[in-house]
Amino acid sequence: MAHRPCSIELRHLRYFIAAADHGSFRKAGVALQITESAISRRIRDLEDGIGVSLFTRHNGGVRVTAAGRQLLTTAIGALDQVEQVSILTAAYLKDPTDPQWAKSPDMIAWNQFMDKYYPTGDKTSTFPVYAYAVSSTLVEVLKRAGDNLTREKS
């Protein structure tokens, strides 16, 4: 069977680091304000994608494996670099899993859009958020252009 490339999202790394830090999916979930099952599923996705176990699971929580320790060092470095880039570029998309945006009018509109037009879509992924932002920008550009769809100045 051919190896399928793994798609690692930043949230996979955040969840993995939090679970390693807390030694528990439940405690990581509390710290990140998401469910334990969401942490567990994303870490299982990550493990399946890269083909190694990152944690040894036991009744008291989880313990990072040798492979997990190697990834942990890389993951922390990767997130540090992403944070540095974010500071420089200023994030322009809201993370749909971030509770601070739950009552934001534009996030409410996005959720309504998703419910109506893409009900089976993954609301935890930033890809639909990006697509929505691009399409909303295009709609606004077309509204402002009116009947003048040339490159010439009016």
N, C-alpha and C. Protein backbone atom coordinates (compact mmCIF):
# COMPACT_ATOMS: atom_id res chain seq x y z
N MET A 1 0.85 -1.18 0.00
CA MET A 1 0.00 0.00 0.00
C MET A 1 0.89 1.24 0.00
N ALA A 2 0.57 2.22 -0.87
CA ALA A 2 1.35 3.46 -0.97
C ALA A 2 1.09 4.33 0.25
N HIS A 3 2.14 5.01 0.69
CA HIS A 3 2.01 5.92 1.83
C HIS A 3 1.32 7.20 1.38
N ARG A 4 0.29 7.59 2.10
CA ARG A 4 -0.46 8.80 1.81
C ARG A 4 0.16 9.96 2.57
N PRO A 5 0.42 11.11 1.89
CA PRO A 5 1.00 12.25 2.60
C PRO A 5 0.07 12.71 3.73
N CYS A 6 0.66 13.09 4.83
CA CYS A 6 -0.09 13.53 6.01
C CYS A 6 -0.34 15.03 5.94
N SER A 7 -1.56 15.42 6.21
CA SER A 7 -1.90 16.84 6.28
C SER A 7 -1.96 17.22 7.76
N ILE A 8 -0.95 17.94 8.22
CA ILE A 8 -0.89 18.34 9.62
C ILE A 8 -1.35 19.78 9.74
N GLU A 9 -2.36 20.00 10.56
CA GLU A 9 -2.86 21.34 10.81
C GLU A 9 -2.24 21.87 12.11
N LEU A 10 -2.21 23.17 12.24
CA LEU A 10 -1.63 23.77 13.44
C LEU A 10 -2.36 23.30 14.70
N ARG A 11 -3.64 23.10 14.61
CA ARG A 11 -4.38 22.66 15.79
C ARG A 11 -3.92 21.28 16.24
N HIS A 12 -3.54 20.41 15.28
CA HIS A 12 -3.00 19.10 15.66
C HIS A 12 -1.79 19.29 16.57
N LEU A 13 -0.92 20.20 16.16
CA LEU A 13 0.30 20.45 16.94
C LEU A 13 -0.02 21.09 18.29
N ARG A 14 -0.95 22.03 18.29
CA ARG A 14 -1.34 22.67 19.57
C ARG A 14 -1.91 21.65 20.54
N TYR A 15 -2.79 20.79 20.04
CA TYR A 15 -3.41 19.77 20.89
C TYR A 15 -2.36 18.79 21.39
N PHE A 16 -1.46 18.39 20.51
CA PHE A 16 -0.40 17.46 20.87
C PHE A 16 0.49 18.06 21.97
N ILE A 17 0.90 19.31 21.81
CA ILE A 17 1.76 19.96 22.80
C ILE A 17 1.02 20.09 24.13
N ALA A 18 -0.24 20.47 24.08
CA ALA A 18 -1.01 20.63 25.32
C ALA A 18 -1.15 19.29 26.05
N ALA A 19 -1.43 18.23 25.30
CA ALA A 19 -1.56 16.90 25.92
C ALA A 19 -0.24 16.46 26.54
N ALA A 20 0.86 16.73 25.83
CA ALA A 20 2.18 16.39 26.37
C ALA A 20 2.47 17.20 27.63
N ASP A 21 2.15 18.49 27.61
CA ASP A 21 2.39 19.36 28.77
C ASP A 21 1.58 18.93 29.99
N HIS A 22 0.33 18.54 29.73
CA HIS A 22 -0.59 18.23 30.84
C HIS A 22 -0.61 16.75 31.21
N GLY A 23 -0.07 15.89 30.33
CA GLY A 23 -0.07 14.45 30.61
C GLY A 23 -1.45 13.84 30.58
N SER A 24 -2.38 14.53 29.92
CA SER A 24 -3.77 14.06 29.92
C SER A 24 -4.54 14.77 28.81
N PHE A 25 -5.34 14.02 28.08
CA PHE A 25 -6.20 14.63 27.05
C PHE A 25 -7.28 15.48 27.72
N ARG A 26 -7.78 15.01 28.86
CA ARG A 26 -8.83 15.75 29.57
C ARG A 26 -8.30 17.10 30.05
N LYS A 27 -7.14 17.10 30.68
CA LYS A 27 -6.56 18.36 31.18
C LYS A 27 -6.17 19.29 30.03
N ALA A 28 -5.69 18.71 28.93
CA ALA A 28 -5.38 19.53 27.75
C ALA A 28 -6.65 20.17 27.21
N GLY A 29 -7.74 19.41 27.18
CA GLY A 29 -9.02 19.94 26.71
C GLY A 29 -9.51 21.08 27.58
N VAL A 30 -9.38 20.92 28.88
CA VAL A 30 -9.77 21.99 29.81
C VAL A 30 -8.93 23.24 29.54
N ALA A 31 -7.63 23.06 29.39
CA ALA A 31 -6.74 24.20 29.16
C ALA A 31 -7.05 24.91 27.84
N LEU A 32 -7.44 24.14 26.82
CA LEU A 32 -7.72 24.73 25.51
C LEU A 32 -9.20 25.05 25.29
N GLN A 33 -10.00 24.73 26.29
CA GLN A 33 -11.45 24.96 26.24
C GLN A 33 -12.12 24.22 25.09
N ILE A 34 -11.72 22.97 24.91
CA ILE A 34 -12.37 22.07 23.95
C ILE A 34 -12.54 20.72 24.61
N THR A 35 -13.31 19.85 23.98
CA THR A 35 -13.60 18.57 24.61
C THR A 35 -12.41 17.62 24.56
N GLU A 36 -12.38 16.74 25.52
CA GLU A 36 -11.36 15.70 25.56
C GLU A 36 -11.43 14.85 24.29
N SER A 37 -12.65 14.57 23.83
CA SER A 37 -12.79 13.73 22.63
C SER A 37 -12.23 14.42 21.39
N ALA A 38 -12.33 15.75 21.31
CA ALA A 38 -11.75 16.48 20.18
C ALA A 38 -10.23 16.37 20.20
N ILE A 39 -9.64 16.49 21.38
CA ILE A 39 -8.18 16.33 21.52
C ILE A 39 -7.79 14.91 21.09
N SER A 40 -8.49 13.93 21.62
CA SER A 40 -8.18 12.54 21.34
C SER A 40 -8.28 12.22 19.84
N ARG A 41 -9.35 12.70 19.20
CA ARG A 41 -9.55 12.44 17.76
C ARG A 41 -8.45 13.08 16.92
N ARG A 42 -8.12 14.34 17.21
CA ARG A 42 -7.09 15.02 16.41
C ARG A 42 -5.72 14.38 16.61
N ILE A 43 -5.42 13.97 17.84
CA ILE A 43 -4.13 13.31 18.07
C ILE A 43 -4.11 11.95 17.39
N ARG A 44 -5.22 11.24 17.39
CA ARG A 44 -5.30 9.96 16.67
C ARG A 44 -5.12 10.20 15.17
N ASP A 45 -5.74 11.26 14.64
CA ASP A 45 -5.55 11.62 13.23
C ASP A 45 -4.07 11.88 12.94
N LEU A 46 -3.43 12.62 13.83
CA LEU A 46 -2.01 12.93 13.66
C LEU A 46 -1.17 11.65 13.68
N GLU A 47 -1.44 10.79 14.65
CA GLU A 47 -0.70 9.53 14.75
C GLU A 47 -0.92 8.66 13.51
N ASP A 48 -2.16 8.57 13.06
CA ASP A 48 -2.46 7.79 11.85
C ASP A 48 -1.75 8.37 10.64
N GLY A 49 -1.73 9.70 10.56
CA GLY A 49 -1.13 10.37 9.42
C GLY A 49 0.38 10.19 9.34
N ILE A 50 1.06 10.22 10.49
CA ILE A 50 2.51 10.10 10.46
C ILE A 50 2.98 8.67 10.72
N GLY A 51 2.06 7.81 11.12
CA GLY A 51 2.38 6.39 11.25
C GLY A 51 3.13 5.99 12.50
N VAL A 52 3.06 6.79 13.55
CA VAL A 52 3.69 6.43 14.82
C VAL A 52 2.77 6.80 15.98
N SER A 53 2.96 6.10 17.10
CA SER A 53 2.23 6.45 18.33
C SER A 53 3.00 7.55 19.04
N LEU A 54 2.29 8.60 19.38
CA LEU A 54 2.92 9.73 20.07
C LEU A 54 2.80 9.63 21.58
N PHE A 55 1.81 8.86 22.03
CA PHE A 55 1.56 8.71 23.46
C PHE A 55 1.33 7.25 23.80
N THR A 56 1.71 6.91 25.02
CA THR A 56 1.28 5.66 25.64
C THR A 56 0.11 6.05 26.51
N ARG A 57 -1.02 5.43 26.28
CA ARG A 57 -2.22 5.76 27.04
C ARG A 57 -2.32 4.83 28.25
N HIS A 58 -2.70 5.41 29.40
CA HIS A 58 -2.89 4.63 30.63
C HIS A 58 -4.03 5.27 31.41
N ASN A 59 -4.48 4.61 32.47
CA ASN A 59 -5.63 5.10 33.23
C ASN A 59 -5.45 6.51 33.76
N GLY A 60 -4.24 6.86 34.13
CA GLY A 60 -3.99 8.18 34.71
C GLY A 60 -3.76 9.28 33.69
N GLY A 61 -3.75 8.94 32.40
CA GLY A 61 -3.52 9.96 31.38
C GLY A 61 -2.70 9.41 30.24
N VAL A 62 -1.71 10.19 29.81
CA VAL A 62 -0.87 9.80 28.68
C VAL A 62 0.59 10.12 28.99
N ARG A 63 1.47 9.36 28.36
CA ARG A 63 2.91 9.59 28.48
C ARG A 63 3.47 9.67 27.07
N VAL A 64 4.31 10.66 26.80
CA VAL A 64 4.89 10.85 25.48
C VAL A 64 5.87 9.72 25.17
N THR A 65 5.76 9.15 23.96
CA THR A 65 6.69 8.11 23.51
C THR A 65 7.98 8.75 23.02
N ALA A 66 8.96 7.94 22.67
CA ALA A 66 10.22 8.45 22.12
C ALA A 66 9.95 9.22 20.82
N ALA A 67 9.11 8.66 19.96
CA ALA A 67 8.75 9.35 18.72
C ALA A 67 8.01 10.65 19.03
N GLY A 68 7.18 10.62 20.06
CA GLY A 68 6.46 11.81 20.48
C GLY A 68 7.40 12.90 20.97
N ARG A 69 8.45 12.52 21.68
CA ARG A 69 9.43 13.51 22.17
C ARG A 69 10.14 14.19 21.00
N GLN A 70 10.45 13.41 19.96
CA GLN A 70 11.09 14.01 18.78
C GLN A 70 10.15 15.00 18.11
N LEU A 71 8.88 14.61 17.95
CA LEU A 71 7.91 15.52 17.32
C LEU A 71 7.66 16.73 18.20
N LEU A 72 7.65 16.53 19.51
CA LEU A 72 7.37 17.63 20.43
C LEU A 72 8.36 18.78 20.24
N THR A 73 9.63 18.46 20.14
CA THR A 73 10.65 19.48 19.92
C THR A 73 10.39 20.23 18.61
N THR A 74 10.09 19.47 17.56
CA THR A 74 9.83 20.07 16.25
C THR A 74 8.54 20.90 16.28
N ALA A 75 7.51 20.37 16.92
CA ALA A 75 6.21 21.06 16.97
C ALA A 75 6.31 22.39 17.71
N ILE A 76 7.03 22.39 18.82
CA ILE A 76 7.19 23.64 19.58
C ILE A 76 7.92 24.67 18.73
N GLY A 77 8.98 24.25 18.05
CA GLY A 77 9.71 25.16 17.17
C GLY A 77 8.85 25.67 16.03
N ALA A 78 8.06 24.78 15.44
CA ALA A 78 7.19 25.17 14.33
C ALA A 78 6.15 26.20 14.77
N LEU A 79 5.52 25.96 15.92
CA LEU A 79 4.52 26.92 16.40
C LEU A 79 5.15 28.24 16.78
N ASP A 80 6.36 28.21 17.32
CA ASP A 80 7.07 29.47 17.62
C ASP A 80 7.28 30.27 16.33
N GLN A 81 7.68 29.58 15.26
CA GLN A 81 7.88 30.27 13.98
C GLN A 81 6.57 30.82 13.44
N VAL A 82 5.51 30.06 13.55
CA VAL A 82 4.20 30.52 13.07
C VAL A 82 3.77 31.76 13.86
N GLU A 83 3.99 31.75 15.17
CA GLU A 83 3.63 32.92 15.98
C GLU A 83 4.44 34.15 15.57
N GLN A 84 5.70 33.95 15.25
CA GLN A 84 6.53 35.07 14.80
C GLN A 84 6.00 35.63 13.48
N VAL A 85 5.63 34.76 12.57
CA VAL A 85 5.07 35.20 11.29
C VAL A 85 3.74 35.90 11.52
N SER A 86 2.92 35.38 12.42
CA SER A 86 1.62 35.99 12.70
C SER A 86 1.79 37.41 13.22
N ILE A 87 2.80 37.61 14.05
CA ILE A 87 3.05 38.96 14.57
C ILE A 87 3.40 39.90 13.43
N LEU A 88 4.17 39.39 12.47
CA LEU A 88 4.60 40.23 11.35
C LEU A 88 3.48 40.49 10.35
N THR A 89 2.63 39.51 10.12
CA THR A 89 1.62 39.64 9.07
C THR A 89 0.25 40.05 9.58
N ALA A 90 0.01 39.94 10.86
CA ALA A 90 -1.29 40.23 11.46
C ALA A 90 -2.36 39.32 10.88
N ALA A 91 -2.79 38.37 11.66
CA ALA A 91 -3.80 37.40 11.21
C ALA A 91 -5.07 38.13 10.80
N TYR A 92 -5.63 37.73 9.67
CA TYR A 92 -6.83 38.38 9.18
C TYR A 92 -8.01 37.42 9.15
N LEU A 93 -7.81 36.19 9.59
CA LEU A 93 -8.90 35.23 9.67
C LEU A 93 -9.12 34.85 11.13
N LYS A 94 -10.36 34.64 11.48
CA LYS A 94 -10.67 34.21 12.83
C LYS A 94 -10.70 32.68 12.86
N ASP A 95 -10.11 32.12 13.90
CA ASP A 95 -10.10 30.68 14.08
C ASP A 95 -11.49 30.25 14.55
N PRO A 96 -12.17 29.39 13.77
CA PRO A 96 -13.53 29.01 14.14
C PRO A 96 -13.61 28.21 15.44
N THR A 97 -12.50 27.69 15.93
CA THR A 97 -12.52 26.93 17.18
C THR A 97 -12.18 27.80 18.39
N ASP A 98 -11.86 29.07 18.16
CA ASP A 98 -11.48 29.97 19.26
C ASP A 98 -12.74 30.54 19.90
N PRO A 99 -12.99 30.23 21.18
CA PRO A 99 -14.22 30.66 21.83
C PRO A 99 -14.41 32.18 21.90
N GLN A 100 -13.33 32.96 21.78
CA GLN A 100 -13.48 34.42 21.87
C GLN A 100 -14.30 34.99 20.72
N TRP A 101 -14.44 34.24 19.60
CA TRP A 101 -15.17 34.73 18.44
C TRP A 101 -16.61 34.21 18.38
N ALA A 102 -17.03 33.41 19.33
CA ALA A 102 -18.34 32.74 19.26
C ALA A 102 -19.51 33.71 19.06
N LYS A 103 -19.46 34.87 19.68
CA LYS A 103 -20.56 35.83 19.58
C LYS A 103 -20.29 36.96 18.60
N SER A 104 -19.21 36.86 17.86
CA SER A 104 -18.85 37.87 16.87
C SER A 104 -19.87 37.83 15.71
N PRO A 105 -20.41 39.00 15.29
CA PRO A 105 -21.41 39.01 14.23
C PRO A 105 -20.95 38.33 12.93
N ASP A 106 -19.69 38.53 12.56
CA ASP A 106 -19.24 37.89 11.32
C ASP A 106 -19.07 36.39 11.48
N MET A 107 -18.71 35.91 12.69
CA MET A 107 -18.61 34.47 12.91
C MET A 107 -20.00 33.85 12.96
N ILE A 108 -20.96 34.57 13.50
CA ILE A 108 -22.34 34.09 13.49
C ILE A 108 -22.83 33.98 12.05
N ALA A 109 -22.54 34.99 11.23
CA ALA A 109 -22.92 34.95 9.81
C ALA A 109 -22.25 33.79 9.10
N TRP A 110 -20.97 33.53 9.42
CA TRP A 110 -20.25 32.42 8.81
C TRP A 110 -20.89 31.09 9.19
N ASN A 111 -21.23 30.93 10.47
CA ASN A 111 -21.89 29.70 10.92
C ASN A 111 -23.24 29.49 10.23
N GLN A 112 -23.99 30.57 10.06
CA GLN A 112 -25.27 30.47 9.35
C GLN A 112 -25.05 30.08 7.89
N PHE A 113 -24.04 30.66 7.27
CA PHE A 113 -23.68 30.31 5.89
C PHE A 113 -23.33 28.82 5.80
N MET A 114 -22.48 28.35 6.72
CA MET A 114 -22.08 26.94 6.73
C MET A 114 -23.29 26.03 6.92
N ASP A 115 -24.17 26.39 7.85
CA ASP A 115 -25.36 25.56 8.11
C ASP A 115 -26.24 25.46 6.87
N LYS A 116 -26.34 26.56 6.14
CA LYS A 116 -27.23 26.59 4.97
C LYS A 116 -26.60 25.96 3.72
N TYR A 117 -25.35 26.32 3.43
CA TYR A 117 -24.75 25.93 2.16
C TYR A 117 -23.74 24.78 2.24
N TYR A 118 -23.22 24.50 3.42
CA TYR A 118 -22.21 23.45 3.54
C TYR A 118 -22.39 22.74 4.89
N PRO A 119 -23.58 22.17 5.12
CA PRO A 119 -23.88 21.59 6.43
C PRO A 119 -22.98 20.42 6.83
N THR A 120 -22.37 19.76 5.86
CA THR A 120 -21.48 18.64 6.18
C THR A 120 -20.02 19.09 6.29
N GLY A 121 -19.78 20.39 6.13
CA GLY A 121 -18.42 20.92 6.18
C GLY A 121 -17.84 20.88 7.58
N ASP A 122 -16.53 20.84 7.66
CA ASP A 122 -15.81 20.80 8.94
C ASP A 122 -15.67 22.22 9.49
N LYS A 123 -16.45 22.53 10.50
CA LYS A 123 -16.43 23.87 11.09
C LYS A 123 -15.20 24.12 11.95
N THR A 124 -14.38 23.12 12.15
CA THR A 124 -13.16 23.32 12.93
C THR A 124 -11.96 23.60 12.03
N SER A 125 -12.16 23.53 10.73
CA SER A 125 -11.07 23.77 9.78
C SER A 125 -11.04 25.23 9.35
N THR A 126 -9.85 25.76 9.14
CA THR A 126 -9.74 27.14 8.67
C THR A 126 -9.95 27.25 7.16
N PHE A 127 -9.96 26.14 6.44
CA PHE A 127 -10.13 26.21 4.99
C PHE A 127 -11.49 26.81 4.59
N PRO A 128 -12.62 26.35 5.19
CA PRO A 128 -13.89 27.01 4.84
C PRO A 128 -13.93 28.48 5.26
N VAL A 129 -13.26 28.83 6.35
CA VAL A 129 -13.21 30.23 6.78
C VAL A 129 -12.50 31.06 5.72
N TYR A 130 -11.38 30.55 5.23
CA TYR A 130 -10.63 31.26 4.19
C TYR A 130 -11.48 31.41 2.92
N ALA A 131 -12.13 30.33 2.50
CA ALA A 131 -12.97 30.38 1.30
C ALA A 131 -14.09 31.41 1.48
N TYR A 132 -14.70 31.43 2.64
CA TYR A 132 -15.77 32.39 2.93
C TYR A 132 -15.23 33.82 2.89
N ALA A 133 -14.05 34.04 3.47
CA ALA A 133 -13.45 35.38 3.47
C ALA A 133 -13.14 35.85 2.06
N VAL A 134 -12.58 34.97 1.24
CA VAL A 134 -12.26 35.33 -0.14
C VAL A 134 -13.53 35.64 -0.92
N SER A 135 -14.55 34.79 -0.78
CA SER A 135 -15.79 35.02 -1.52
C SER A 135 -16.49 36.29 -1.04
N SER A 136 -16.45 36.55 0.26
CA SER A 136 -17.05 37.78 0.79
C SER A 136 -16.33 39.01 0.27
N THR A 137 -15.01 38.93 0.16
CA THR A 137 -14.23 40.04 -0.40
C THR A 137 -14.60 40.27 -1.85
N LEU A 138 -14.73 39.19 -2.62
CA LEU A 138 -15.12 39.30 -4.02
C LEU A 138 -16.50 39.94 -4.16
N VAL A 139 -17.44 39.54 -3.34
CA VAL A 139 -18.78 40.14 -3.37
C VAL A 139 -18.69 41.64 -3.11
N GLU A 140 -17.91 42.03 -2.11
CA GLU A 140 -17.76 43.45 -1.78
C GLU A 140 -17.11 44.23 -2.92
N VAL A 141 -16.09 43.65 -3.55
CA VAL A 141 -15.42 44.31 -4.69
C VAL A 141 -16.42 44.51 -5.83
N LEU A 142 -17.21 43.49 -6.13
CA LEU A 142 -18.19 43.60 -7.21
C LEU A 142 -19.28 44.63 -6.88
N LYS A 143 -19.70 44.69 -5.63
CA LYS A 143 -20.68 45.70 -5.23
C LYS A 143 -20.13 47.10 -5.43
N ARG A 144 -18.89 47.31 -4.99
CA ARG A 144 -18.29 48.64 -5.10
C ARG A 144 -18.00 49.02 -6.54
N ALA A 145 -17.71 48.03 -7.38
CA ALA A 145 -17.42 48.31 -8.79
C ALA A 145 -18.68 48.74 -9.53
N GLY A 146 -19.82 48.28 -9.08
CA GLY A 146 -21.07 48.63 -9.77
C GLY A 146 -21.03 48.13 -11.20
N ASP A 147 -21.35 49.03 -12.14
CA ASP A 147 -21.35 48.66 -13.55
C ASP A 147 -19.98 48.82 -14.19
N ASN A 148 -19.02 49.38 -13.47
CA ASN A 148 -17.70 49.62 -14.02
C ASN A 148 -16.77 48.46 -13.68
N LEU A 149 -16.71 47.49 -14.57
CA LEU A 149 -15.88 46.31 -14.33
C LEU A 149 -14.60 46.33 -15.18
N THR A 150 -14.12 47.53 -15.47
CA THR A 150 -12.86 47.68 -16.21
C THR A 150 -11.77 48.04 -15.22
N ARG A 151 -10.55 48.07 -15.71
CA ARG A 151 -9.41 48.47 -14.87
C ARG A 151 -9.20 49.97 -14.91
N GLU A 152 -9.94 50.63 -15.74
CA GLU A 152 -9.78 52.08 -15.88
C GLU A 152 -10.39 52.79 -14.69
N LYS A 153 -9.76 53.91 -14.32
CA LYS A 153 -10.29 54.71 -13.21
C LYS A 153 -11.51 55.46 -13.70
N SER A 154 -12.48 55.56 -12.82
CA SER A 154 -13.71 56.28 -13.23
C SER A 154 -13.61 57.75 -13.02
